[in-house]
Amino acid sequence: QDYRRFVRDKTSLLIEQKDLEEQIKFFEEQLE
């Protein structure tokens, strides 16, 4: 269960990080 949770969390954190980076980039461009 720990292994499965690790794989799931690793994947979802990568997705979340990428999404946040995209949003930050978008809002920084808008602000600029």
Full PDB file with SEQRES, HELIX, SHEET, SSBOND, CRYST1, ORIGX, SCALE, CONECT and MASTER records, all heavy atoms in Angstrom:
SEQRES   1 A   32  GLN ASP TYR ARG ARG PHE VAL ARG ASP LYS THR SER LEU          
SEQRES   2 A   32  LEU ILE GLU GLN LYS ASP LEU GLU GLU GLN ILE LYS PHE          
SEQRES   3 A   32  PHE GLU GLU GLN LEU GLU                                      
HELIX    1 AA1 ASP A    2  LEU A   31  1                                  30    
CRYST1    1.000    1.000    1.000  90.00  90.00  90.00 P 1           1          
ORIGX1      1.000000  0.000000  0.000000        0.00000                         
ORIGX2      0.000000  1.000000  0.000000        0.00000                         
ORIGX3      0.000000  0.000000  1.000000        0.00000                         
SCALE1      1.000000  0.000000  0.000000        0.00000                         
SCALE2      0.000000  1.000000  0.000000        0.00000                         
SCALE3      0.000000  0.000000  1.000000        0.00000                         
ATOM      1  N   GLN A   1       0.837  -1.203   0.000  1.00  0.00           N  
ATOM      2  CA  GLN A   1       0.000   0.000   0.000  1.00  0.00           C  
ATOM      3  C   GLN A   1       0.873   1.255   0.000  1.00  0.00           C  
ATOM      4  O   GLN A   1       0.568   2.229  -0.690  1.00  0.00           O  
ATOM      5  CB  GLN A   1      -0.930   0.003   1.206  1.00  0.00           C  
ATOM      6  CG  GLN A   1      -2.083  -0.968   1.088  1.00  0.00           C  
ATOM      7  CD  GLN A   1      -2.958  -0.974   2.341  1.00  0.00           C  
ATOM      8  OE1 GLN A   1      -2.819  -0.124   3.218  1.00  0.00           O  
ATOM      9  NE2 GLN A   1      -3.863  -1.943   2.402  1.00  0.00           N  
ATOM     10  N   ASP A   2       1.964   1.217   0.764  1.00  0.00           N  
ATOM     11  CA  ASP A   2       2.899   2.345   0.796  1.00  0.00           C  
ATOM     12  C   ASP A   2       3.505   2.576  -0.593  1.00  0.00           C  
ATOM     13  O   ASP A   2       3.639   3.715  -1.040  1.00  0.00           O  
ATOM     14  CB  ASP A   2       4.014   2.112   1.811  1.00  0.00           C  
ATOM     15  CG  ASP A   2       3.525   2.154   3.247  1.00  0.00           C  
ATOM     16  OD1 ASP A   2       2.389   2.628   3.491  1.00  0.00           O  
ATOM     17  OD2 ASP A   2       4.273   1.688   4.135  1.00  0.00           O  
ATOM     18  N   TYR A   3       3.869   1.484  -1.254  1.00  0.00           N  
ATOM     19  CA  TYR A   3       4.430   1.578  -2.614  1.00  0.00           C  
ATOM     20  C   TYR A   3       3.417   2.201  -3.570  1.00  0.00           C  
ATOM     21  O   TYR A   3       3.743   3.123  -4.313  1.00  0.00           O  
ATOM     22  CB  TYR A   3       4.844   0.186  -3.108  1.00  0.00           C  
ATOM     23  CG  TYR A   3       4.964   0.077  -4.605  1.00  0.00           C  
ATOM     24  CD1 TYR A   3       6.029   0.659  -5.275  1.00  0.00           C  
ATOM     25  CD2 TYR A   3       3.992  -0.586  -5.351  1.00  0.00           C  
ATOM     26  CE1 TYR A   3       6.133   0.581  -6.659  1.00  0.00           C  
ATOM     27  CE2 TYR A   3       4.093  -0.664  -6.733  1.00  0.00           C  
ATOM     28  CZ  TYR A   3       5.158  -0.091  -7.377  1.00  0.00           C  
ATOM     29  OH  TYR A   3       5.247  -0.171  -8.741  1.00  0.00           O  
ATOM     30  N   ARG A   4       2.189   1.711  -3.546  1.00  0.00           N  
ATOM     31  CA  ARG A   4       1.156   2.237  -4.452  1.00  0.00           C  
ATOM     32  C   ARG A   4       0.866   3.713  -4.168  1.00  0.00           C  
ATOM     33  O   ARG A   4       0.688   4.507  -5.088  1.00  0.00           O  
ATOM     34  CB  ARG A   4      -0.112   1.387  -4.347  1.00  0.00           C  
ATOM     35  CG  ARG A   4       0.075   0.004  -4.946  1.00  0.00           C  
ATOM     36  CD  ARG A   4      -1.197  -0.823  -4.922  1.00  0.00           C  
ATOM     37  NE  ARG A   4      -0.920  -2.170  -5.386  1.00  0.00           N  
ATOM     38  CZ  ARG A   4      -0.996  -3.256  -4.632  1.00  0.00           C  
ATOM     39  NH1 ARG A   4      -1.375  -3.176  -3.365  1.00  0.00           N  
ATOM     40  NH2 ARG A   4      -0.709  -4.444  -5.140  1.00  0.00           N  
ATOM     41  N   ARG A   5       0.825   4.053  -2.884  1.00  0.00           N  
ATOM     42  CA  ARG A   5       0.590   5.451  -2.503  1.00  0.00           C  
ATOM     43  C   ARG A   5       1.764   6.321  -2.989  1.00  0.00           C  
ATOM     44  O   ARG A   5       1.565   7.415  -3.500  1.00  0.00           O  
ATOM     45  CB  ARG A   5       0.401   5.570  -0.996  1.00  0.00           C  
ATOM     46  CG  ARG A   5       0.019   6.963  -0.540  1.00  0.00           C  
ATOM     47  CD  ARG A   5      -0.360   7.093   0.934  1.00  0.00           C  
ATOM     48  NE  ARG A   5       0.275   6.170   1.853  1.00  0.00           N  
ATOM     49  CZ  ARG A   5      -0.309   5.067   2.360  1.00  0.00           C  
ATOM     50  NH1 ARG A   5      -1.539   4.751   2.029  1.00  0.00           N  
ATOM     51  NH2 ARG A   5       0.338   4.292   3.201  1.00  0.00           N  
ATOM     52  N   PHE A   6       2.978   5.804  -2.844  1.00  0.00           N  
ATOM     53  CA  PHE A   6       4.163   6.535  -3.296  1.00  0.00           C  
ATOM     54  C   PHE A   6       4.090   6.817  -4.799  1.00  0.00           C  
ATOM     55  O   PHE A   6       4.297   7.953  -5.241  1.00  0.00           O  
ATOM     56  CB  PHE A   6       5.435   5.746  -2.958  1.00  0.00           C  
ATOM     57  CG  PHE A   6       6.662   6.252  -3.652  1.00  0.00           C  
ATOM     58  CD1 PHE A   6       7.217   7.477  -3.330  1.00  0.00           C  
ATOM     59  CD2 PHE A   6       7.268   5.500  -4.652  1.00  0.00           C  
ATOM     60  CE1 PHE A   6       8.349   7.951  -3.982  1.00  0.00           C  
ATOM     61  CE2 PHE A   6       8.395   5.963  -5.306  1.00  0.00           C  
ATOM     62  CZ  PHE A   6       8.942   7.185  -4.975  1.00  0.00           C  
ATOM     63  N   VAL A   7       3.768   5.799  -5.596  1.00  0.00           N  
ATOM     64  CA  VAL A   7       3.684   5.970  -7.053  1.00  0.00           C  
ATOM     65  C   VAL A   7       2.583   6.969  -7.407  1.00  0.00           C  
ATOM     66  O   VAL A   7       2.782   7.869  -8.231  1.00  0.00           O  
ATOM     67  CB  VAL A   7       3.458   4.609  -7.764  1.00  0.00           C  
ATOM     68  CG1 VAL A   7       3.118   4.799  -9.229  1.00  0.00           C  
ATOM     69  CG2 VAL A   7       4.691   3.726  -7.614  1.00  0.00           C  
ATOM     70  N   ARG A   8       1.431   6.826  -6.757  1.00  0.00           N  
ATOM     71  CA  ARG A   8       0.303   7.732  -7.015  1.00  0.00           C  
ATOM     72  C   ARG A   8       0.663   9.166  -6.620  1.00  0.00           C  
ATOM     73  O   ARG A   8       0.423  10.114  -7.374  1.00  0.00           O  
ATOM     74  CB  ARG A   8      -0.932   7.243  -6.257  1.00  0.00           C  
ATOM     75  CG  ARG A   8      -2.196   8.027  -6.552  1.00  0.00           C  
ATOM     76  CD  ARG A   8      -3.374   7.550  -5.736  1.00  0.00           C  
ATOM     77  NE  ARG A   8      -3.123   7.722  -4.315  1.00  0.00           N  
ATOM     78  CZ  ARG A   8      -3.074   6.725  -3.417  1.00  0.00           C  
ATOM     79  NH1 ARG A   8      -3.282   5.492  -3.772  1.00  0.00           N  
ATOM     80  NH2 ARG A   8      -2.818   6.972  -2.144  1.00  0.00           N  
ATOM     81  N   ASP A   9       1.256   9.320  -5.421  1.00  0.00           N  
ATOM     82  CA  ASP A   9       1.612  10.656  -4.941  1.00  0.00           C  
ATOM     83  C   ASP A   9       2.690  11.297  -5.818  1.00  0.00           C  
ATOM     84  O   ASP A   9       2.614  12.485  -6.123  1.00  0.00           O  
ATOM     85  CB  ASP A   9       2.106  10.602  -3.492  1.00  0.00           C  
ATOM     86  CG  ASP A   9       0.994  10.306  -2.502  1.00  0.00           C  
ATOM     87  OD1 ASP A   9      -0.186  10.275  -2.906  1.00  0.00           O  
ATOM     88  OD2 ASP A   9       1.318  10.078  -1.308  1.00  0.00           O  
ATOM     89  N   LYS A  10       3.680  10.513  -6.206  1.00  0.00           N  
ATOM     90  CA  LYS A  10       4.763  11.034  -7.046  1.00  0.00           C  
ATOM     91  C   LYS A  10       4.182  11.587  -8.349  1.00  0.00           C  
ATOM     92  O   LYS A  10       4.513  12.695  -8.763  1.00  0.00           O  
ATOM     93  CB  LYS A  10       5.777   9.926  -7.325  1.00  0.00           C  
ATOM     94  CG  LYS A  10       7.006  10.372  -8.085  1.00  0.00           C  
ATOM     95  CD  LYS A  10       8.004   9.222  -8.147  1.00  0.00           C  
ATOM     96  CE  LYS A  10       9.295   9.592  -8.805  1.00  0.00           C  
ATOM     97  NZ  LYS A  10      10.125  10.530  -8.062  1.00  0.00           N  
ATOM     98  N   THR A  11       3.284  10.828  -8.955  1.00  0.00           N  
ATOM     99  CA  THR A  11       2.663  11.249 -10.203  1.00  0.00           C  
ATOM    100  C   THR A  11       1.810  12.501  -9.997  1.00  0.00           C  
ATOM    101  O   THR A  11       1.928  13.478 -10.743  1.00  0.00           O  
ATOM    102  CB  THR A  11       1.797  10.103 -10.787  1.00  0.00           C  
ATOM    103  OG1 THR A  11       2.624   8.956 -10.969  1.00  0.00           O  
ATOM    104  CG2 THR A  11       1.169  10.496 -12.101  1.00  0.00           C  
ATOM    105  N   SER A  12       0.964  12.485  -8.977  1.00  0.00           N  
ATOM    106  CA  SER A  12       0.064  13.632  -8.781  1.00  0.00           C  
ATOM    107  C   SER A  12       0.843  14.890  -8.380  1.00  0.00           C  
ATOM    108  O   SER A  12       0.475  15.996  -8.792  1.00  0.00           O  
ATOM    109  CB  SER A  12      -1.036  13.311  -7.768  1.00  0.00           C  
ATOM    110  OG  SER A  12      -0.506  13.096  -6.503  1.00  0.00           O  
ATOM    111  N   LEU A  13       1.930  14.738  -7.634  1.00  0.00           N  
ATOM    112  CA  LEU A  13       2.732  15.908  -7.267  1.00  0.00           C  
ATOM    113  C   LEU A  13       3.429  16.501  -8.494  1.00  0.00           C  
ATOM    114  O   LEU A  13       3.534  17.728  -8.612  1.00  0.00           O  
ATOM    115  CB  LEU A  13       3.751  15.549  -6.186  1.00  0.00           C  
ATOM    116  CG  LEU A  13       3.166  15.354  -4.788  1.00  0.00           C  
ATOM    117  CD1 LEU A  13       4.185  14.723  -3.854  1.00  0.00           C  
ATOM    118  CD2 LEU A  13       2.665  16.680  -4.220  1.00  0.00           C  
ATOM    119  N   LEU A  14       3.888  15.642  -9.390  1.00  0.00           N  
ATOM    120  CA  LEU A  14       4.488  16.148 -10.633  1.00  0.00           C  
ATOM    121  C   LEU A  14       3.468  16.957 -11.422  1.00  0.00           C  
ATOM    122  O   LEU A  14       3.770  18.040 -11.936  1.00  0.00           O  
ATOM    123  CB  LEU A  14       4.996  14.985 -11.488  1.00  0.00           C  
ATOM    124  CG  LEU A  14       6.294  14.324 -11.041  1.00  0.00           C  
ATOM    125  CD1 LEU A  14       6.514  13.021 -11.803  1.00  0.00           C  
ATOM    126  CD2 LEU A  14       7.470  15.261 -11.248  1.00  0.00           C  
ATOM    127  N   ILE A  15       2.255  16.422 -11.526  1.00  0.00           N  
ATOM    128  CA  ILE A  15       1.188  17.105 -12.260  1.00  0.00           C  
ATOM    129  C   ILE A  15       0.846  18.426 -11.589  1.00  0.00           C  
ATOM    130  O   ILE A  15       0.718  19.463 -12.252  1.00  0.00           O  
ATOM    131  CB  ILE A  15      -0.052  16.189 -12.377  1.00  0.00           C  
ATOM    132  CG1 ILE A  15       0.269  14.994 -13.272  1.00  0.00           C  
ATOM    133  CG2 ILE A  15      -1.264  16.962 -12.889  1.00  0.00           C  
ATOM    134  CD1 ILE A  15      -0.759  13.884 -13.234  1.00  0.00           C  
ATOM    135  N   GLU A  16       0.723  18.382 -10.271  1.00  0.00           N  
ATOM    136  CA  GLU A  16       0.383  19.600  -9.526  1.00  0.00           C  
ATOM    137  C   GLU A  16       1.472  20.665  -9.667  1.00  0.00           C  
ATOM    138  O   GLU A  16       1.172  21.849  -9.864  1.00  0.00           O  
ATOM    139  CB  GLU A  16       0.179  19.235  -8.048  1.00  0.00           C  
ATOM    140  CG  GLU A  16      -0.713  20.184  -7.315  1.00  0.00           C  
ATOM    141  CD  GLU A  16      -1.077  19.684  -5.922  1.00  0.00           C  
ATOM    142  OE1 GLU A  16      -1.032  18.459  -5.673  1.00  0.00           O  
ATOM    143  OE2 GLU A  16      -1.398  20.538  -5.089  1.00  0.00           O  
ATOM    144  N   GLN A  17       2.734  20.229  -9.585  1.00  0.00           N  
ATOM    145  CA  GLN A  17       3.840  21.174  -9.740  1.00  0.00           C  
ATOM    146  C   GLN A  17       3.799  21.832 -11.115  1.00  0.00           C  
ATOM    147  O   GLN A  17       3.942  23.052 -11.237  1.00  0.00           O  
ATOM    148  CB  GLN A  17       5.194  20.462  -9.580  1.00  0.00           C  
ATOM    149  CG  GLN A  17       5.624  20.262  -8.154  1.00  0.00           C  
ATOM    150  CD  GLN A  17       6.943  19.517  -8.092  1.00  0.00           C  
ATOM    151  OE1 GLN A  17       6.973  18.300  -8.217  1.00  0.00           O  
ATOM    152  NE2 GLN A  17       8.026  20.230  -7.910  1.00  0.00           N  
ATOM    153  N   LYS A  18       3.615  21.032 -12.150  1.00  0.00           N  
ATOM    154  CA  LYS A  18       3.591  21.559 -13.524  1.00  0.00           C  
ATOM    155  C   LYS A  18       2.422  22.535 -13.691  1.00  0.00           C  
ATOM    156  O   LYS A  18       2.580  23.605 -14.291  1.00  0.00           O  
ATOM    157  CB  LYS A  18       3.493  20.401 -14.519  1.00  0.00           C  
ATOM    158  CG  LYS A  18       3.508  20.827 -15.957  1.00  0.00           C  
ATOM    159  CD  LYS A  18       4.847  21.406 -16.352  1.00  0.00           C  
ATOM    160  CE  LYS A  18       4.891  21.694 -17.838  1.00  0.00           C  
ATOM    161  NZ  LYS A  18       6.102  22.377 -18.237  1.00  0.00           N  
ATOM    162  N   ASP A  19       1.269  22.175 -13.148  1.00  0.00           N  
ATOM    163  CA  ASP A  19       0.096  23.038 -13.246  1.00  0.00           C  
ATOM    164  C   ASP A  19       0.350  24.379 -12.557  1.00  0.00           C  
ATOM    165  O   ASP A  19       0.044  25.439 -13.113  1.00  0.00           O  
ATOM    166  CB  ASP A  19      -1.124  22.328 -12.639  1.00  0.00           C  
ATOM    167  CG  ASP A  19      -2.385  23.162 -12.760  1.00  0.00           C  
ATOM    168  OD1 ASP A  19      -2.686  23.613 -13.889  1.00  0.00           O  
ATOM    169  OD2 ASP A  19      -3.062  23.374 -11.733  1.00  0.00           O  
ATOM    170  N   LEU A  20       0.915  24.328 -11.364  1.00  0.00           N  
ATOM    171  CA  LEU A  20       1.211  25.575 -10.646  1.00  0.00           C  
ATOM    172  C   LEU A  20       2.232  26.418 -11.407  1.00  0.00           C  
ATOM    173  O   LEU A  20       2.087  27.649 -11.490  1.00  0.00           O  
ATOM    174  CB  LEU A  20       1.719  25.268  -9.233  1.00  0.00           C  
ATOM    175  CG  LEU A  20       0.646  24.872  -8.229  1.00  0.00           C  
ATOM    176  CD1 LEU A  20       1.266  24.318  -6.959  1.00  0.00           C  
ATOM    177  CD2 LEU A  20      -0.254  26.048  -7.909  1.00  0.00           C  
ATOM    178  N   GLU A  21       3.266  25.776 -11.959  1.00  0.00           N  
ATOM    179  CA  GLU A  21       4.269  26.515 -12.724  1.00  0.00           C  
ATOM    180  C   GLU A  21       3.621  27.214 -13.924  1.00  0.00           C  
ATOM    181  O   GLU A  21       3.945  28.361 -14.223  1.00  0.00           O  
ATOM    182  CB  GLU A  21       5.388  25.586 -13.202  1.00  0.00           C  
ATOM    183  CG  GLU A  21       6.260  25.018 -12.091  1.00  0.00           C  
ATOM    184  CD  GLU A  21       6.986  26.067 -11.269  1.00  0.00           C  
ATOM    185  OE1 GLU A  21       7.337  27.136 -11.814  1.00  0.00           O  
ATOM    186  OE2 GLU A  21       7.187  25.827 -10.069  1.00  0.00           O  
ATOM    187  N   GLU A  22       2.712  26.506 -14.602  1.00  0.00           N  
ATOM    188  CA  GLU A  22       2.015  27.095 -15.753  1.00  0.00           C  
ATOM    189  C   GLU A  22       1.164  28.289 -15.310  1.00  0.00           C  
ATOM    190  O   GLU A  22       1.157  29.326 -15.979  1.00  0.00           O  
ATOM    191  CB  GLU A  22       1.129  26.053 -16.436  1.00  0.00           C  
ATOM    192  CG  GLU A  22       1.890  25.002 -17.200  1.00  0.00           C  
ATOM    193  CD  GLU A  22       2.539  25.533 -18.458  1.00  0.00           C  
ATOM    194  OE1 GLU A  22       1.943  26.376 -19.148  1.00  0.00           O  
ATOM    195  OE2 GLU A  22       3.673  25.091 -18.746  1.00  0.00           O  
ATOM    196  N   GLN A  23       0.436  28.135 -14.203  1.00  0.00           N  
ATOM    197  CA  GLN A  23      -0.410  29.237 -13.725  1.00  0.00           C  
ATOM    198  C   GLN A  23       0.436  30.435 -13.313  1.00  0.00           C  
ATOM    199  O   GLN A  23       0.092  31.583 -13.623  1.00  0.00           O  
ATOM    200  CB  GLN A  23      -1.248  28.772 -12.528  1.00  0.00           C  
ATOM    201  CG  GLN A  23      -2.381  27.847 -12.888  1.00  0.00           C  
ATOM    202  CD  GLN A  23      -3.207  27.507 -11.665  1.00  0.00           C  
ATOM    203  OE1 GLN A  23      -3.705  28.396 -10.981  1.00  0.00           O  
ATOM    204  NE2 GLN A  23      -3.347  26.220 -11.387  1.00  0.00           N  
ATOM    205  N   ILE A  24       1.529  30.161 -12.616  1.00  0.00           N  
ATOM    206  CA  ILE A  24       2.417  31.247 -12.185  1.00  0.00           C  
ATOM    207  C   ILE A  24       2.964  31.977 -13.401  1.00  0.00           C  
ATOM    208  O   ILE A  24       2.960  33.217 -13.459  1.00  0.00           O  
ATOM    209  CB  ILE A  24       3.558  30.703 -11.286  1.00  0.00           C  
ATOM    210  CG1 ILE A  24       2.983  30.321  -9.910  1.00  0.00           C  
ATOM    211  CG2 ILE A  24       4.685  31.719 -11.151  1.00  0.00           C  
ATOM    212  CD1 ILE A  24       3.935  29.554  -9.016  1.00  0.00           C  
ATOM    213  N   LYS A  25       3.426  31.218 -14.383  1.00  0.00           N  
ATOM    214  CA  LYS A  25       3.964  31.831 -15.609  1.00  0.00           C  
ATOM    215  C   LYS A  25       2.897  32.698 -16.281  1.00  0.00           C  
ATOM    216  O   LYS A  25       3.175  33.830 -16.691  1.00  0.00           O  
ATOM    217  CB  LYS A  25       4.431  30.719 -16.553  1.00  0.00           C  
ATOM    218  CG  LYS A  25       5.104  31.200 -17.795  1.00  0.00           C  
ATOM    219  CD  LYS A  25       5.596  30.014 -18.615  1.00  0.00           C  
ATOM    220  CE  LYS A  25       6.205  30.461 -19.918  1.00  0.00           C  
ATOM    221  NZ  LYS A  25       6.645  29.337 -20.734  1.00  0.00           N  
ATOM    222  N   PHE A  26       1.676  32.178 -16.375  1.00  0.00           N  
ATOM    223  CA  PHE A  26       0.585  32.920 -16.994  1.00  0.00           C  
ATOM    224  C   PHE A  26       0.323  34.240 -16.265  1.00  0.00           C  
ATOM    225  O   PHE A  26       0.250  35.310 -16.883  1.00  0.00           O  
ATOM    226  CB  PHE A  26      -0.688  32.064 -17.025  1.00  0.00           C  
ATOM    227  CG  PHE A  26      -1.900  32.797 -17.501  1.00  0.00           C  
ATOM    228  CD1 PHE A  26      -2.098  33.041 -18.851  1.00  0.00           C  
ATOM    229  CD2 PHE A  26      -2.853  33.257 -16.594  1.00  0.00           C  
ATOM    230  CE1 PHE A  26      -3.219  33.737 -19.298  1.00  0.00           C  
ATOM    231  CE2 PHE A  26      -3.976  33.940 -17.031  1.00  0.00           C  
ATOM    232  CZ  PHE A  26      -4.161  34.183 -18.383  1.00  0.00           C  
ATOM    233  N   PHE A  27       0.184  34.170 -14.940  1.00  0.00           N  
ATOM    234  CA  PHE A  27      -0.126  35.384 -14.175  1.00  0.00           C  
ATOM    235  C   PHE A  27       1.050  36.359 -14.172  1.00  0.00           C  
ATOM    236  O   PHE A  27       0.849  37.584 -14.171  1.00  0.00           O  
ATOM    237  CB  PHE A  27      -0.573  35.043 -12.754  1.00  0.00           C  
ATOM    238  CG  PHE A  27      -1.997  34.577 -12.682  1.00  0.00           C  
ATOM    239  CD1 PHE A  27      -2.289  33.249 -12.430  1.00  0.00           C  
ATOM    240  CD2 PHE A  27      -3.056  35.455 -12.890  1.00  0.00           C  
ATOM    241  CE1 PHE A  27      -3.602  32.804 -12.382  1.00  0.00           C  
ATOM    242  CE2 PHE A  27      -4.369  35.023 -12.845  1.00  0.00           C  
ATOM    243  CZ  PHE A  27      -4.648  33.694 -12.590  1.00  0.00           C  
ATOM    244  N   GLU A  28       2.286  35.845 -14.159  1.00  0.00           N  
ATOM    245  CA  GLU A  28       3.434  36.747 -14.237  1.00  0.00           C  
ATOM    246  C   GLU A  28       3.447  37.487 -15.578  1.00  0.00           C  
ATOM    247  O   GLU A  28       3.726  38.686 -15.623  1.00  0.00           O  
ATOM    248  CB  GLU A  28       4.746  35.958 -14.049  1.00  0.00           C  
ATOM    249  CG  GLU A  28       4.995  35.559 -12.616  1.00  0.00           C  
ATOM    250  CD  GLU A  28       6.209  34.674 -12.423  1.00  0.00           C  
ATOM    251  OE1 GLU A  28       6.680  34.042 -13.391  1.00  0.00           O  
ATOM    252  OE2 GLU A  28       6.681  34.595 -11.266  1.00  0.00           O  
ATOM    253  N   GLU A  29       3.122  36.770 -16.666  1.00  0.00           N  
ATOM    254  CA  GLU A  29       3.049  37.420 -17.979  1.00  0.00           C  
ATOM    255  C   GLU A  29       1.936  38.457 -18.011  1.00  0.00           C  
ATOM    256  O   GLU A  29       2.120  39.559 -18.557  1.00  0.00           O  
ATOM    257  CB  GLU A  29       2.828  36.369 -19.076  1.00  0.00           C  
ATOM    258  CG  GLU A  29       4.039  35.521 -19.367  1.00  0.00           C  
ATOM    259  CD  GLU A  29       3.742  34.340 -20.298  1.00  0.00           C  
ATOM    260  OE1 GLU A  29       2.568  34.157 -20.710  1.00  0.00           O  
ATOM    261  OE2 GLU A  29       4.694  33.597 -20.604  1.00  0.00           O  
ATOM    262  N   GLN A  30       0.789  38.104 -17.432  1.00  0.00           N  
ATOM    263  CA  GLN A  30      -0.332  39.053 -17.390  1.00  0.00           C  
ATOM    264  C   GLN A  30       0.065  40.313 -16.619  1.00  0.00           C  
ATOM    265  O   GLN A  30      -0.207  41.436 -17.066  1.00  0.00           O  
ATOM    266  CB  GLN A  30      -1.562  38.407 -16.726  1.00  0.00           C  
ATOM    267  CG  GLN A  30      -2.151  37.259 -17.501  1.00  0.00           C  
ATOM    268  CD  GLN A  30      -2.671  37.686 -18.844  1.00  0.00           C  
ATOM    269  OE1 GLN A  30      -3.414  38.647 -18.959  1.00  0.00           O  
ATOM    270  NE2 GLN A  30      -2.265  36.988 -19.889  1.00  0.00           N  
ATOM    271  N   LEU A  31       0.693  40.113 -15.478  1.00  0.00           N  
ATOM    272  CA  LEU A  31       1.112  41.247 -14.645  1.00  0.00           C  
ATOM    273  C   LEU A  31       2.131  42.111 -15.387  1.00  0.00           C  
ATOM    274  O   LEU A  31       2.015  43.344 -15.400  1.00  0.00           O  
ATOM    275  CB  LEU A  31       1.697  40.732 -13.324  1.00  0.00           C  
ATOM    276  CG  LEU A  31       2.142  41.784 -12.314  1.00  0.00           C  
ATOM    277  CD1 LEU A  31       0.965  42.673 -11.907  1.00  0.00           C  
ATOM    278  CD2 LEU A  31       2.741  41.112 -11.088  1.00  0.00           C  
ATOM    279  N   GLU A  32       3.095  41.468 -16.009  1.00  0.00           N  
ATOM    280  CA  GLU A  32       4.126  42.202 -16.761  1.00  0.00           C  
ATOM    281  C   GLU A  32       3.496  43.015 -17.897  1.00  0.00           C  
ATOM    282  O   GLU A  32       3.798  44.191 -18.079  1.00  0.00           O  
ATOM    283  CB  GLU A  32       5.147  41.207 -17.327  1.00  0.00           C  
ATOM    284  CG  GLU A  32       6.302  41.870 -18.040  1.00  0.00           C  
ATOM    285  CD  GLU A  32       7.296  40.841 -18.592  1.00  0.00           C  
ATOM    286  OE1 GLU A  32       7.483  39.801 -17.947  1.00  0.00           O  
ATOM    287  OE2 GLU A  32       7.847  41.108 -19.671  1.00  0.00           O  
TER     288      GLU A  32                                                      
MASTER        0    0    0    1    0    0    0    6  287    1    0    3          
END                                                                             
